[in-house]
Every structure is written in C-alpha cells, then in structure tokens.
N, C-alpha and C. Protein backbone atom coordinates (compact mmCIF):
# COMPACT_ATOMS: atom_id res chain seq x y z
N UNK A 1 -6.74 -74.29 -40.11
CA UNK A 1 -6.36 -75.32 -40.92
C UNK A 1 -6.31 -74.28 -42.87
N UNK A 2 -7.38 -73.21 -42.51
CA UNK A 2 -7.78 -72.73 -43.36
C UNK A 2 -6.24 -71.73 -44.05
N UNK A 3 -6.17 -72.21 -45.45
CA UNK A 3 -5.02 -71.54 -46.05
C UNK A 3 -3.40 -72.16 -45.81
N UNK A 4 -4.09 -73.57 -45.24
CA UNK A 4 -3.01 -74.67 -45.29
C UNK A 4 -2.89 -75.77 -45.73
N UNK A 5 -4.00 -76.17 -45.55
CA UNK A 5 -3.92 -77.52 -46.25
C UNK A 5 -5.54 -77.79 -47.06
N UNK A 6 -5.60 -77.93 -48.27
CA UNK A 6 -6.87 -78.04 -49.28
C UNK A 6 -7.60 -79.14 -48.62
N UNK A 7 -8.60 -78.95 -49.24
CA UNK A 7 -9.70 -80.00 -48.54
C UNK A 7 -9.36 -81.35 -49.69
N UNK A 8 -9.67 -82.77 -49.44
CA UNK A 8 -9.57 -83.56 -50.62
C UNK A 8 -10.65 -83.64 -51.55
N UNK A 9 -11.80 -83.32 -51.23
CA UNK A 9 -12.86 -82.61 -52.02
C UNK A 9 -13.82 -81.73 -50.90
N UNK A 10 -14.96 -81.58 -52.34
CA UNK A 10 -15.33 -80.27 -51.79
C UNK A 10 -17.01 -81.28 -51.35
N UNK A 11 -17.13 -81.11 -49.92
CA UNK A 11 -18.70 -81.67 -49.57
C UNK A 11 -19.50 -80.77 -49.49
N UNK A 12 -19.44 -79.41 -49.46
CA UNK A 12 -20.26 -78.32 -49.11
C UNK A 12 -21.97 -78.37 -49.66
N UNK A 13 -22.59 -78.41 -48.91
CA UNK A 13 -23.90 -78.40 -48.92
C UNK A 13 -24.56 -77.06 -49.74
N UNK A 14 -25.80 -77.00 -50.70
CA UNK A 14 -26.46 -75.87 -51.15
C UNK A 14 -26.68 -75.26 -49.91
N UNK A 15 -26.74 -73.76 -50.61
CA UNK A 15 -26.97 -72.72 -49.73
C UNK A 15 -28.42 -73.24 -49.00
N UNK A 16 -28.50 -72.79 -47.74
CA UNK A 16 -29.77 -73.24 -46.95
C UNK A 16 -29.56 -74.80 -46.44
N UNK A 17 -29.01 -75.24 -46.36
CA UNK A 17 -28.88 -76.44 -45.91
C UNK A 17 -27.80 -76.32 -44.79
N UNK A 18 -27.87 -77.54 -43.75
CA UNK A 18 -26.74 -77.48 -42.69
C UNK A 18 -25.62 -78.02 -43.00
N UNK A 19 -24.16 -77.62 -43.06
CA UNK A 19 -22.93 -78.17 -43.35
C UNK A 19 -22.64 -78.94 -41.68
N UNK A 20 -21.75 -80.05 -41.66
CA UNK A 20 -21.57 -80.77 -40.11
C UNK A 20 -19.92 -80.92 -40.45
N UNK A 21 -19.32 -80.73 -39.18
CA UNK A 21 -17.77 -80.98 -39.12
C UNK A 21 -17.78 -81.64 -37.97
N UNK A 22 -16.49 -82.54 -38.11
CA UNK A 22 -16.32 -82.93 -36.89
C UNK A 22 -15.01 -82.91 -36.95
N UNK A 23 -13.87 -82.60 -35.75
CA UNK A 23 -12.62 -82.22 -35.84
C UNK A 23 -12.07 -82.93 -34.91
N UNK A 24 -10.95 -83.57 -34.85
CA UNK A 24 -10.49 -84.42 -34.49
C UNK A 24 -8.69 -84.10 -33.48
N UNK A 25 -8.70 -84.05 -32.73
CA UNK A 25 -7.00 -83.66 -32.67
C UNK A 25 -6.86 -84.80 -31.55
N UNK A 26 -5.52 -84.87 -31.22
CA UNK A 26 -4.82 -86.15 -30.45
C UNK A 26 -3.59 -85.85 -31.01
N UNK A 27 -3.24 -85.13 -29.75
CA UNK A 27 -1.76 -84.83 -29.71
C UNK A 27 -1.20 -86.27 -28.81
N UNK A 28 -1.25 -86.82 -28.76
CA UNK A 28 -0.45 -88.51 -28.19
C UNK A 28 -0.13 -89.04 -29.45
N UNK A 29 -0.62 -89.15 -30.62
CA UNK A 29 -0.70 -89.42 -32.00
C UNK A 29 -0.23 -88.57 -33.04
N UNK A 30 -0.06 -87.45 -32.45
CA UNK A 30 0.45 -86.05 -33.35
C UNK A 30 -0.74 -86.11 -34.81
N UNK A 31 -1.77 -86.64 -34.46
CA UNK A 31 -2.57 -86.36 -35.51
C UNK A 31 -3.93 -85.49 -35.39
N UNK A 32 -4.21 -85.01 -36.55
CA UNK A 32 -5.26 -84.21 -36.50
C UNK A 32 -6.55 -84.46 -37.82
N UNK A 33 -7.48 -84.62 -37.75
CA UNK A 33 -8.24 -84.61 -39.28
C UNK A 33 -9.47 -83.99 -39.05
N UNK A 34 -10.43 -83.62 -40.54
CA UNK A 34 -11.58 -82.81 -40.45
C UNK A 34 -12.60 -83.77 -41.49
N UNK A 35 -13.63 -84.17 -40.61
CA UNK A 35 -14.89 -84.81 -41.26
C UNK A 35 -15.71 -83.77 -41.47
N UNK A 36 -15.86 -83.82 -42.89
CA UNK A 36 -17.18 -82.78 -43.26
C UNK A 36 -18.22 -83.60 -43.74
N UNK A 37 -19.51 -83.18 -43.40
CA UNK A 37 -20.57 -83.72 -43.90
C UNK A 37 -20.50 -85.32 -44.13
N UNK A 38 -19.82 -86.02 -43.16
CA UNK A 38 -19.70 -87.40 -43.00
C UNK A 38 -18.36 -88.05 -44.21
N UNK A 39 -17.47 -87.21 -44.27
CA UNK A 39 -16.35 -87.38 -45.43
C UNK A 39 -14.92 -86.82 -45.11
N UNK A 40 -13.74 -87.63 -44.72
CA UNK A 40 -12.45 -87.40 -43.97
C UNK A 40 -12.24 -86.17 -45.11
N UNK A 41 -11.94 -85.14 -45.07
CA UNK A 41 -11.55 -84.64 -46.29
C UNK A 41 -9.83 -83.66 -46.05
N UNK A 42 -9.36 -83.89 -44.40
CA UNK A 42 -8.13 -83.29 -44.45
C UNK A 42 -7.37 -83.95 -43.19
N UNK A 43 -6.35 -84.62 -43.30
CA UNK A 43 -5.60 -84.97 -42.33
C UNK A 43 -4.32 -84.29 -42.13
N UNK A 44 -3.88 -83.98 -40.81
CA UNK A 44 -2.72 -83.34 -40.81
C UNK A 44 -2.26 -83.74 -39.18
N UNK A 45 -0.32 -83.23 -39.35
CA UNK A 45 -0.03 -83.44 -38.00
C UNK A 45 -0.36 -82.21 -37.41
N UNK A 46 0.48 -82.08 -35.72
CA UNK A 46 -0.12 -81.10 -35.12
C UNK A 46 1.12 -80.61 -34.82
N UNK A 47 1.96 -81.07 -35.14
CA UNK A 47 3.62 -80.77 -34.54
C UNK A 47 4.79 -81.15 -35.51
N UNK A 48 5.81 -80.77 -35.67
CA UNK A 48 6.99 -81.32 -36.20
C UNK A 48 7.21 -80.63 -37.68
N UNK A 49 8.25 -81.07 -38.22
CA UNK A 49 8.42 -80.98 -39.70
C UNK A 49 7.44 -80.49 -40.51
N UNK A 50 6.56 -81.61 -40.82
CA UNK A 50 5.22 -81.27 -41.72
C UNK A 50 4.53 -80.02 -41.30
N UNK A 51 4.28 -80.31 -40.04
CA UNK A 51 3.36 -78.64 -39.65
C UNK A 51 4.27 -77.42 -40.04
N UNK A 52 5.46 -77.38 -39.53
CA UNK A 52 6.10 -76.21 -39.38
C UNK A 52 6.36 -75.65 -41.20
N UNK A 53 6.42 -76.99 -41.98
CA UNK A 53 6.58 -76.87 -43.44
C UNK A 53 5.14 -76.31 -43.71
N UNK A 54 3.98 -76.35 -43.23
CA UNK A 54 2.81 -76.00 -43.87
C UNK A 54 2.72 -74.40 -43.58
N UNK A 55 2.75 -74.29 -41.96
CA UNK A 55 3.07 -72.95 -41.76
C UNK A 55 3.81 -71.99 -42.43
N UNK A 56 5.04 -72.43 -43.00
CA UNK A 56 5.87 -71.84 -43.58
C UNK A 56 5.31 -70.91 -44.99
N UNK A 57 4.30 -71.78 -45.25
CA UNK A 57 3.45 -70.94 -46.70
C UNK A 57 2.34 -70.20 -46.05
N UNK A 58 2.27 -69.83 -45.03
CA UNK A 58 1.03 -68.95 -44.80
C UNK A 58 1.62 -67.51 -44.37
N UNK A 59 0.48 -66.72 -44.13
CA UNK A 59 0.72 -65.09 -43.44
C UNK A 59 1.22 -65.42 -42.11
N UNK A 60 1.40 -66.46 -41.74
CA UNK A 60 2.08 -67.24 -40.10
C UNK A 60 3.37 -67.27 -40.07
N UNK A 61 3.66 -67.50 -41.47
CA UNK A 61 4.96 -67.94 -41.58
C UNK A 61 6.42 -66.93 -40.57
N UNK A 62 6.22 -65.73 -40.70
CA UNK A 62 6.93 -64.93 -40.07
C UNK A 62 6.45 -64.21 -38.68
N UNK A 63 5.49 -65.14 -38.34
CA UNK A 63 4.66 -64.17 -37.27
C UNK A 63 5.72 -63.85 -36.08
N UNK A 64 6.56 -64.63 -35.62
CA UNK A 64 7.58 -64.25 -34.59
C UNK A 64 8.38 -62.83 -34.72
N UNK A 65 8.48 -62.71 -35.99
CA UNK A 65 8.83 -60.85 -36.71
C UNK A 65 7.93 -59.89 -36.18
N UNK A 66 6.43 -60.03 -35.45
CA UNK A 66 5.48 -59.60 -35.75
C UNK A 66 5.56 -58.39 -34.25
N UNK A 67 4.70 -57.65 -33.61
CA UNK A 67 4.85 -56.43 -32.93
C UNK A 67 4.38 -57.49 -31.50
N UNK A 68 3.50 -58.43 -31.54
CA UNK A 68 3.57 -59.78 -30.40
C UNK A 68 4.38 -60.36 -30.01
N UNK A 69 4.74 -60.78 -29.09
CA UNK A 69 5.61 -61.97 -28.69
C UNK A 69 5.39 -63.15 -28.48
N UNK A 70 6.22 -63.91 -28.37
CA UNK A 70 6.10 -65.54 -27.94
C UNK A 70 5.30 -66.10 -29.60
N UNK A 71 4.92 -65.85 -30.55
CA UNK A 71 4.06 -66.08 -31.47
C UNK A 71 4.21 -67.91 -32.08
N UNK A 72 3.76 -68.56 -31.29
CA UNK A 72 4.00 -69.67 -32.04
C UNK A 72 2.65 -70.53 -32.63
N UNK A 73 2.28 -69.53 -33.60
CA UNK A 73 1.05 -70.06 -34.39
C UNK A 73 0.55 -71.36 -34.28
N UNK A 74 -0.62 -72.11 -34.20
CA UNK A 74 -0.62 -73.20 -34.02
C UNK A 74 -0.32 -74.37 -32.92
N UNK A 75 0.70 -74.08 -32.34
CA UNK A 75 1.34 -74.86 -31.46
C UNK A 75 0.64 -74.84 -29.71
N UNK A 76 -0.01 -74.47 -29.32
CA UNK A 76 -0.80 -74.14 -28.41
C UNK A 76 -1.94 -75.39 -28.04
N UNK A 77 -1.83 -76.08 -26.94
CA UNK A 77 -2.45 -77.28 -26.78
C UNK A 77 -3.42 -77.14 -26.12
N UNK A 78 -3.60 -75.98 -25.60
CA UNK A 78 -4.99 -75.59 -24.61
C UNK A 78 -5.05 -74.20 -25.11
N UNK A 79 -6.36 -73.59 -24.75
CA UNK A 79 -6.47 -72.22 -24.91
C UNK A 79 -8.10 -72.31 -25.27
N UNK A 80 -8.58 -70.97 -26.07
CA UNK A 80 -9.82 -70.78 -26.36
C UNK A 80 -10.07 -70.82 -28.07
N UNK A 81 -11.21 -71.21 -28.31
CA UNK A 81 -11.59 -71.60 -29.70
C UNK A 81 -12.68 -70.36 -30.03
N UNK A 82 -12.47 -70.35 -31.41
CA UNK A 82 -13.47 -69.26 -31.65
C UNK A 82 -14.07 -69.47 -33.10
N UNK A 83 -14.96 -68.90 -33.55
CA UNK A 83 -15.15 -69.16 -34.90
C UNK A 83 -15.27 -67.94 -35.53
N UNK A 84 -14.91 -68.79 -37.16
CA UNK A 84 -14.82 -66.96 -37.88
C UNK A 84 -15.68 -67.10 -39.04
N UNK A 85 -16.03 -65.68 -39.23
CA UNK A 85 -16.95 -65.24 -40.54
C UNK A 85 -15.92 -64.53 -41.69
N UNK A 86 -16.81 -63.97 -42.57
CA UNK A 86 -15.94 -63.61 -43.55
C UNK A 86 -16.68 -62.55 -44.05
N UNK A 87 -16.96 -61.39 -43.13
CA UNK A 87 -18.17 -60.51 -42.78
C UNK A 87 -19.41 -60.59 -43.81
N UNK A 88 -19.90 -61.76 -43.36
CA UNK A 88 -21.00 -62.16 -44.30
C UNK A 88 -22.03 -62.53 -42.98
N UNK A 89 -23.00 -62.79 -43.02
CA UNK A 89 -24.03 -63.42 -42.26
C UNK A 89 -23.66 -65.09 -42.04
N UNK A 90 -23.53 -65.81 -40.91
CA UNK A 90 -23.42 -66.82 -40.22
C UNK A 90 -24.05 -67.41 -39.44
N UNK A 91 -24.00 -68.58 -39.08
CA UNK A 91 -24.95 -69.17 -38.42
C UNK A 91 -24.27 -70.66 -38.25
N UNK A 92 -24.34 -70.86 -36.48
CA UNK A 92 -23.46 -72.18 -36.32
C UNK A 92 -25.14 -72.91 -35.18
N UNK A 93 -24.81 -74.34 -35.02
CA UNK A 93 -25.98 -74.94 -34.31
C UNK A 93 -25.25 -76.20 -33.57
N UNK A 94 -26.26 -76.70 -32.55
CA UNK A 94 -25.05 -78.15 -32.36
C UNK A 94 -24.03 -78.12 -32.03
N UNK A 95 -23.36 -77.23 -31.66
CA UNK A 95 -21.71 -77.27 -31.21
C UNK A 95 -21.44 -77.83 -30.16
N UNK A 96 -20.71 -78.79 -29.93
CA UNK A 96 -20.50 -79.54 -28.93
C UNK A 96 -18.85 -79.70 -29.16
N UNK A 97 -18.03 -79.56 -27.82
CA UNK A 97 -16.53 -79.57 -27.53
C UNK A 97 -16.29 -81.06 -26.73
N UNK A 98 -15.84 -81.50 -26.74
CA UNK A 98 -15.43 -82.84 -26.08
C UNK A 98 -14.41 -83.07 -25.84
N UNK A 99 -13.85 -83.43 -24.89
CA UNK A 99 -12.38 -83.37 -24.39
C UNK A 99 -12.44 -85.38 -24.46
N UNK A 100 -11.71 -85.99 -25.40
CA UNK A 100 -11.51 -87.52 -25.39
C UNK A 100 -10.64 -88.25 -24.97
C-alpha cells in the first residue's frame, strides 16, 4: 500500500521503540485494513474499480507495458510475502502469518 493510500494518522513510535502492525486481508469481503500500534490507519478494497484507481496513480500503473509478462500488481491471492527496507538498518520481531 506504500505510495497508494495514506494512513489516516501517524502512529509511529519514537526511534528505539517497537512499532506493531496487524494487516487483515479478506478476499470474500473485498476488504483489507492496517492497524498500526493499535489504531486502524488504513482501509482498502482488494480488487475492483477503487483498487484499480489507486494503482493507476502509482509507478505500477502501466506495469503491463514493462518487460515482464502478465503483470497484475496487487491482484495475486496467494504467493510470497517480503519485507522491504530503504537501505537503512531495519529489525523485525515476532512475525506471525495466519490464515483466517
């Protein structure tokens, strides 16, 4: 969702304190949300016109015109999960992935 949806409030804790996220994805209800340090900061659809409109405003808007084939940015219901950094030290702990 980075670069697609702005959080409703900045719940970031100071440097040296741990932040927590809970991300819920429900394809049956076309619903996703992010709870950041106990506060829901983002709700979003997983597919449909609203999702397509959000993608259209990002660097992934024309990914089907790139060298790789079958680009369906954000439309895969299964696959791999990765964690991103921005070329600075980053730490993760207590990562849990549950199928609900």
